[in-house]
Amino acid sequence: MLNIVLFGPPGAGKGTQADRLKEQYDLVHISTGDVFRALDPSSDLAKLAKSYSDKGDLVPDDITIKILESEVTKYPNAKGVIYDGFPRTTGQAKALDLFLAAKGTSVTMMLSLIVPEDELKTRLIGRAKDSGREDDANPVIIQNRINTYNKSTAPVADYYKGQGKLIDINGVGSIGDITKSLFDSIEITK
């Protein structure tokens, strides 16, 4: 089973590249952001998750892990999964390892998209115009999301580096060039 953690800061291109990986390798794409946005907005869980994400903060581990586990179990016959936006903390990475081990599998690799902060801000503001996502249009929220990533999420890369599973990918360039780098990294590792 091919289990890929697609990693990078907000605006790095994870969603765009996940779609290409999904198609190329016949994988299930699970984006925690999309899962949170798809929750019934009147549910207590959705309101709680939204209260964190609206400020650019991370949803607490216990909530995120429960939602992710529920989502993964919907695909018992998957050839593999792309985890996009998860794990965001070392605690979530450890929980993912335990969850996958109980299913007889593990994270195959972490593909980390490396993009400079100025480029991220430009991309997020552009995405806000296309998608209408208010959180991508507010410079204060954008900076908070980047700061939260740097403080809480970036250390997850060290966790997978310690397991020999981290692969850094230059996330600047044409979409096609970045996709090729991702495919090449997967083919070398498989």
C-alpha atoms as a PDB file:
ATOM      1  CA  MET A   1       0.000   0.000   0.000  1.00  0.00           C
ATOM      2  CA  LEU A   2       1.367   3.404  -1.008  1.00  0.00           C
ATOM      3  CA  ASN A   3       0.755   5.902   1.816  1.00  0.00           C
ATOM      4  CA  ILE A   4       2.065   9.369   1.010  1.00  0.00           C
ATOM      5  CA  VAL A   5       2.099  12.326   3.368  1.00  0.00           C
ATOM      6  CA  LEU A   6       2.006  15.337   1.036  1.00  0.00           C
ATOM      7  CA  PHE A   7       3.494  18.116   3.086  1.00  0.00           C
ATOM      8  CA  GLY A   8       4.114  21.827   2.846  1.00  0.00           C
ATOM      9  CA  PRO A   9       2.905  25.184   4.074  1.00  0.00           C
ATOM     10  CA  PRO A  10      -0.421  26.737   3.068  1.00  0.00           C
ATOM     11  CA  GLY A  11      -0.231  27.643  -0.624  1.00  0.00           C
ATOM     12  CA  ALA A  12       2.582  25.200  -1.460  1.00  0.00           C
ATOM     13  CA  GLY A  13       0.446  23.424  -4.067  1.00  0.00           C
ATOM     14  CA  LYS A  14      -0.505  20.298  -2.123  1.00  0.00           C
ATOM     15  CA  GLY A  15      -4.056  20.143  -3.498  1.00  0.00           C
ATOM     16  CA  THR A  16      -2.963  20.657  -7.091  1.00  0.00           C
ATOM     17  CA  GLN A  17      -0.261  18.009  -6.859  1.00  0.00           C
ATOM     18  CA  ALA A  18      -2.438  15.594  -4.874  1.00  0.00           C
ATOM     19  CA  ASP A  19      -4.889  15.493  -7.784  1.00  0.00           C
ATOM     20  CA  ARG A  20      -2.075  14.479 -10.135  1.00  0.00           C
ATOM     21  CA  LEU A  21      -0.686  11.861  -7.743  1.00  0.00           C
ATOM     22  CA  LYS A  22      -4.162  10.456  -7.210  1.00  0.00           C
ATOM     23  CA  GLU A  23      -4.681   9.990 -10.927  1.00  0.00           C
ATOM     24  CA  GLN A  24      -1.202   8.604 -11.662  1.00  0.00           C
ATOM     25  CA  TYR A  25      -1.133   6.042  -8.841  1.00  0.00           C
ATOM     26  CA  ASP A  26      -4.873   5.359  -8.306  1.00  0.00           C
ATOM     27  CA  LEU A  27      -4.784   6.629  -4.725  1.00  0.00           C
ATOM     28  CA  VAL A  28      -7.407   8.007  -2.382  1.00  0.00           C
ATOM     29  CA  HIS A  29      -6.830  11.702  -1.655  1.00  0.00           C
ATOM     30  CA  ILE A  30      -7.767  12.794   1.837  1.00  0.00           C
ATOM     31  CA  SER A  31      -7.427  16.509   2.493  1.00  0.00           C
ATOM     32  CA  THR A  32      -8.219  17.410   6.080  1.00  0.00           C
ATOM     33  CA  GLY A  33      -9.109  20.934   4.984  1.00  0.00           C
ATOM     34  CA  ASP A  34     -11.653  19.596   2.480  1.00  0.00           C
ATOM     35  CA  VAL A  35     -12.988  17.114   5.050  1.00  0.00           C
ATOM     36  CA  PHE A  36     -13.464  19.893   7.614  1.00  0.00           C
ATOM     37  CA  ARG A  37     -15.162  22.153   5.047  1.00  0.00           C
ATOM     38  CA  ALA A  38     -17.493  19.269   4.055  1.00  0.00           C
ATOM     39  CA  LEU A  39     -18.761  18.697   7.601  1.00  0.00           C
ATOM     40  CA  ASP A  40     -22.401  19.555   8.236  1.00  0.00           C
ATOM     41  CA  PRO A  41     -22.029  23.254   9.150  1.00  0.00           C
ATOM     42  CA  SER A  42     -24.737  22.969  11.802  1.00  0.00           C
ATOM     43  CA  SER A  43     -22.929  20.133  13.631  1.00  0.00           C
ATOM     44  CA  ASP A  44     -21.058  20.848  16.847  1.00  0.00           C
ATOM     45  CA  LEU A  45     -17.922  19.286  15.377  1.00  0.00           C
ATOM     46  CA  ALA A  46     -18.012  21.556  12.325  1.00  0.00           C
ATOM     47  CA  LYS A  47     -18.568  24.628  14.477  1.00  0.00           C
ATOM     48  CA  LEU A  48     -15.682  23.654  16.733  1.00  0.00           C
ATOM     49  CA  ALA A  49     -13.327  22.966  13.804  1.00  0.00           C
ATOM     50  CA  LYS A  50     -14.370  26.229  12.107  1.00  0.00           C
ATOM     51  CA  SER A  51     -13.708  28.233  15.277  1.00  0.00           C
ATOM     52  CA  TYR A  52     -10.044  27.208  15.046  1.00  0.00           C
ATOM     53  CA  SER A  53      -9.519  27.334  11.288  1.00  0.00           C
ATOM     54  CA  ASP A  54     -11.180  30.756  10.908  1.00  0.00           C
ATOM     55  CA  LYS A  55      -8.347  32.203  12.980  1.00  0.00           C
ATOM     56  CA  GLY A  56      -5.698  30.260  11.081  1.00  0.00           C
ATOM     57  CA  ASP A  57      -5.095  27.972  14.069  1.00  0.00           C
ATOM     58  CA  LEU A  58      -4.827  24.186  13.995  1.00  0.00           C
ATOM     59  CA  VAL A  59      -7.819  22.094  14.982  1.00  0.00           C
ATOM     60  CA  PRO A  60      -6.816  20.104  18.115  1.00  0.00           C
ATOM     61  CA  ASP A  61      -5.197  16.706  17.524  1.00  0.00           C
ATOM     62  CA  ASP A  62      -7.912  14.581  19.105  1.00  0.00           C
ATOM     63  CA  ILE A  63     -10.621  16.049  16.848  1.00  0.00           C
ATOM     64  CA  THR A  64      -8.487  15.896  13.713  1.00  0.00           C
ATOM     65  CA  ILE A  65      -7.400  12.299  14.339  1.00  0.00           C
ATOM     66  CA  LYS A  66     -10.972  11.069  14.867  1.00  0.00           C
ATOM     67  CA  ILE A  67     -12.146  12.744  11.680  1.00  0.00           C
ATOM     68  CA  LEU A  68      -9.216  11.407   9.664  1.00  0.00           C
ATOM     69  CA  GLU A  69      -9.605   7.834  10.924  1.00  0.00           C
ATOM     70  CA  SER A  70     -13.298   7.963  10.069  1.00  0.00           C
ATOM     71  CA  GLU A  71     -12.478   9.183   6.565  1.00  0.00           C
ATOM     72  CA  VAL A  72      -9.795   6.541   5.898  1.00  0.00           C
ATOM     73  CA  THR A  73     -12.071   3.685   6.935  1.00  0.00           C
ATOM     74  CA  LYS A  74     -14.442   4.654   4.109  1.00  0.00           C
ATOM     75  CA  TYR A  75     -11.879   3.203   1.648  1.00  0.00           C
ATOM     76  CA  PRO A  76     -11.017  -0.330   2.836  1.00  0.00           C
ATOM     77  CA  ASN A  77      -9.794  -1.492  -0.596  1.00  0.00           C
ATOM     78  CA  ALA A  78      -7.652   1.525  -1.477  1.00  0.00           C
ATOM     79  CA  LYS A  79      -4.290   0.936  -3.171  1.00  0.00           C
ATOM     80  CA  GLY A  80      -2.976   3.777  -1.070  1.00  0.00           C
ATOM     81  CA  VAL A  81      -3.744   7.167   0.388  1.00  0.00           C
ATOM     82  CA  ILE A  82      -2.425  10.680  -0.073  1.00  0.00           C
ATOM     83  CA  TYR A  83      -2.626  12.495   3.254  1.00  0.00           C
ATOM     84  CA  ASP A  84      -2.898  16.187   2.407  1.00  0.00           C
ATOM     85  CA  GLY A  85      -2.845  18.496   5.411  1.00  0.00           C
ATOM     86  CA  PHE A  86      -2.293  15.660   7.847  1.00  0.00           C
ATOM     87  CA  PRO A  87      -0.410  15.124  10.038  1.00  0.00           C
ATOM     88  CA  ARG A  88       0.077  18.699  11.185  1.00  0.00           C
ATOM     89  CA  THR A  89       1.695  17.924  14.526  1.00  0.00           C
ATOM     90  CA  THR A  90       4.109  15.273  15.736  1.00  0.00           C
ATOM     91  CA  GLY A  91       1.296  13.904  17.909  1.00  0.00           C
ATOM     92  CA  GLN A  92      -0.839  13.430  14.798  1.00  0.00           C
ATOM     93  CA  ALA A  93       2.107  11.745  13.005  1.00  0.00           C
ATOM     94  CA  LYS A  94       2.490   9.266  15.861  1.00  0.00           C
ATOM     95  CA  ALA A  95      -1.282   8.631  15.869  1.00  0.00           C
ATOM     96  CA  LEU A  96      -1.189   8.028  12.096  1.00  0.00           C
ATOM     97  CA  ASP A  97       1.644   5.523  12.540  1.00  0.00           C
ATOM     98  CA  LEU A  98      -0.353   3.629  15.167  1.00  0.00           C
ATOM     99  CA  PHE A  99      -3.535   3.719  13.095  1.00  0.00           C
ATOM    100  CA  LEU A 100      -1.766   2.437   9.963  1.00  0.00           C
ATOM    101  CA  ALA A 101       0.180  -0.212  11.905  1.00  0.00           C
ATOM    102  CA  ALA A 102      -3.139  -1.583  13.183  1.00  0.00           C
ATOM    103  CA  LYS A 103      -4.127  -1.951   9.500  1.00  0.00           C
ATOM    104  CA  GLY A 104      -0.856  -3.704   8.652  1.00  0.00           C
ATOM    105  CA  THR A 105       0.676  -0.806   6.741  1.00  0.00           C
ATOM    106  CA  SER A 106       2.701   2.371   7.307  1.00  0.00           C
ATOM    107  CA  VAL A 107       3.571   5.752   5.839  1.00  0.00           C
ATOM    108  CA  THR A 108       5.661   5.077   2.737  1.00  0.00           C
ATOM    109  CA  MET A 109       7.110   8.584   2.416  1.00  0.00           C
ATOM    110  CA  MET A 110       6.632  12.251   3.153  1.00  0.00           C
ATOM    111  CA  LEU A 111       6.903  14.455   0.072  1.00  0.00           C
ATOM    112  CA  SER A 112       7.571  17.974   1.341  1.00  0.00           C
ATOM    113  CA  LEU A 113       6.980  20.891  -1.026  1.00  0.00           C
ATOM    114  CA  ILE A 114       9.485  23.663  -0.279  1.00  0.00           C
ATOM    115  CA  VAL A 115       8.240  27.162  -1.208  1.00  0.00           C
ATOM    116  CA  PRO A 116       9.505  30.597   0.009  1.00  0.00           C
ATOM    117  CA  GLU A 117       7.126  32.585   2.226  1.00  0.00           C
ATOM    118  CA  ASP A 118       6.663  35.504  -0.222  1.00  0.00           C
ATOM    119  CA  GLU A 119       5.600  33.049  -2.945  1.00  0.00           C
ATOM    120  CA  LEU A 120       3.135  31.397  -0.545  1.00  0.00           C
ATOM    121  CA  LYS A 121       1.477  34.734   0.213  1.00  0.00           C
ATOM    122  CA  THR A 122       1.180  35.561  -3.492  1.00  0.00           C
ATOM    123  CA  ARG A 123      -0.342  32.150  -4.227  1.00  0.00           C
ATOM    124  CA  LEU A 124      -2.836  32.329  -1.355  1.00  0.00           C
ATOM    125  CA  ILE A 125      -4.081  35.780  -2.343  1.00  0.00           C
ATOM    126  CA  GLY A 126      -4.463  34.516  -5.932  1.00  0.00           C
ATOM    127  CA  ARG A 127      -6.304  31.437  -4.715  1.00  0.00           C
ATOM    128  CA  ALA A 128      -8.700  33.620  -2.709  1.00  0.00           C
ATOM    129  CA  LYS A 129      -9.724  35.401  -5.907  1.00  0.00           C
ATOM    130  CA  ASP A 130     -10.364  32.090  -7.684  1.00  0.00           C
ATOM    131  CA  SER A 131     -11.950  30.099  -4.853  1.00  0.00           C
ATOM    132  CA  GLY A 132     -13.652  32.764  -2.773  1.00  0.00           C
ATOM    133  CA  ARG A 133     -12.013  31.382   0.389  1.00  0.00           C
ATOM    134  CA  GLU A 134     -11.986  34.317   2.769  1.00  0.00           C
ATOM    135  CA  ASP A 135      -9.177  32.831   4.858  1.00  0.00           C
ATOM    136  CA  ASP A 136      -6.869  33.111   1.834  1.00  0.00           C
ATOM    137  CA  ALA A 137      -7.636  36.799   1.293  1.00  0.00           C
ATOM    138  CA  ASN A 138      -6.823  38.195   4.736  1.00  0.00           C
ATOM    139  CA  PRO A 139      -3.085  38.995   5.137  1.00  0.00           C
ATOM    140  CA  VAL A 140      -3.316  38.682   8.944  1.00  0.00           C
ATOM    141  CA  ILE A 141      -4.856  35.202   8.732  1.00  0.00           C
ATOM    142  CA  ILE A 142      -2.366  34.200   6.010  1.00  0.00           C
ATOM    143  CA  GLN A 143       0.560  35.241   8.211  1.00  0.00           C
ATOM    144  CA  ASN A 144      -0.946  33.441  11.213  1.00  0.00           C
ATOM    145  CA  ARG A 145      -1.359  30.281   9.123  1.00  0.00           C
ATOM    146  CA  ILE A 146       2.271  30.480   7.989  1.00  0.00           C
ATOM    147  CA  ASN A 147       3.461  31.175  11.556  1.00  0.00           C
ATOM    148  CA  THR A 148       1.395  28.250  12.872  1.00  0.00           C
ATOM    149  CA  TYR A 149       2.848  26.029  10.154  1.00  0.00           C
ATOM    150  CA  ASN A 150       6.413  27.057  11.014  1.00  0.00           C
ATOM    151  CA  LYS A 151       5.883  26.570  14.754  1.00  0.00           C
ATOM    152  CA  SER A 152       3.630  23.497  14.952  1.00  0.00           C
ATOM    153  CA  THR A 153       3.647  21.726  11.603  1.00  0.00           C
ATOM    154  CA  ALA A 154       7.152  22.079  10.133  1.00  0.00           C
ATOM    155  CA  PRO A 155       8.631  19.918  12.954  1.00  0.00           C
ATOM    156  CA  VAL A 156       6.631  16.949  11.604  1.00  0.00           C
ATOM    157  CA  ALA A 157       9.180  16.810   8.774  1.00  0.00           C
ATOM    158  CA  ASP A 158      11.873  16.017  11.358  1.00  0.00           C
ATOM    159  CA  TYR A 159       9.746  13.137  12.639  1.00  0.00           C
ATOM    160  CA  TYR A 160       9.656  11.529   9.179  1.00  0.00           C
ATOM    161  CA  LYS A 161      13.279  12.474   8.487  1.00  0.00           C
ATOM    162  CA  GLY A 162      14.166  10.425  11.555  1.00  0.00           C
ATOM    163  CA  GLN A 163      12.377   7.477   9.921  1.00  0.00           C
ATOM    164  CA  GLY A 164      14.216   8.019   6.624  1.00  0.00           C
ATOM    165  CA  LYS A 165      10.928   8.876   4.889  1.00  0.00           C
ATOM    166  CA  LEU A 166      11.326  12.631   4.170  1.00  0.00           C
ATOM    167  CA  ILE A 167      11.865  13.746   0.575  1.00  0.00           C
ATOM    168  CA  ASP A 168      12.145  17.504  -0.058  1.00  0.00           C
ATOM    169  CA  ILE A 169      10.703  18.713  -3.371  1.00  0.00           C
ATOM    170  CA  ASN A 170      11.287  22.178  -4.862  1.00  0.00           C
ATOM    171  CA  GLY A 171       7.750  23.576  -4.933  1.00  0.00           C
ATOM    172  CA  VAL A 172       8.612  26.517  -7.199  1.00  0.00           C
ATOM    173  CA  GLY A 173       8.410  26.193 -10.968  1.00  0.00           C
ATOM    174  CA  SER A 174       5.825  24.982 -13.407  1.00  0.00           C
ATOM    175  CA  ILE A 175       3.126  22.661 -12.112  1.00  0.00           C
ATOM    176  CA  GLY A 176       4.334  20.027 -14.578  1.00  0.00           C
ATOM    177  CA  ASP A 177       7.956  20.241 -13.412  1.00  0.00           C
ATOM    178  CA  ILE A 178       6.908  19.885  -9.775  1.00  0.00           C
ATOM    179  CA  THR A 179       4.689  16.921 -10.672  1.00  0.00           C
ATOM    180  CA  LYS A 180       7.601  15.255 -12.479  1.00  0.00           C
ATOM    181  CA  SER A 181       9.802  15.697  -9.394  1.00  0.00           C
ATOM    182  CA  LEU A 182       7.104  14.081  -7.246  1.00  0.00           C
ATOM    183  CA  PHE A 183       6.625  11.162  -9.654  1.00  0.00           C
ATOM    184  CA  ASP A 184      10.406  10.637  -9.885  1.00  0.00           C
ATOM    185  CA  SER A 185      10.703  10.559  -6.086  1.00  0.00           C
ATOM    186  CA  ILE A 186       7.898   8.015  -5.791  1.00  0.00           C
ATOM    187  CA  GLU A 187       9.339   5.777  -8.507  1.00  0.00           C
ATOM    188  CA  ILE A 188      12.788   5.777  -6.850  1.00  0.00           C
ATOM    189  CA  THR A 189      11.293   4.934  -3.457  1.00  0.00           C
ATOM    190  CA  LYS A 190       8.733   2.306  -4.536  1.00  0.00           C
END
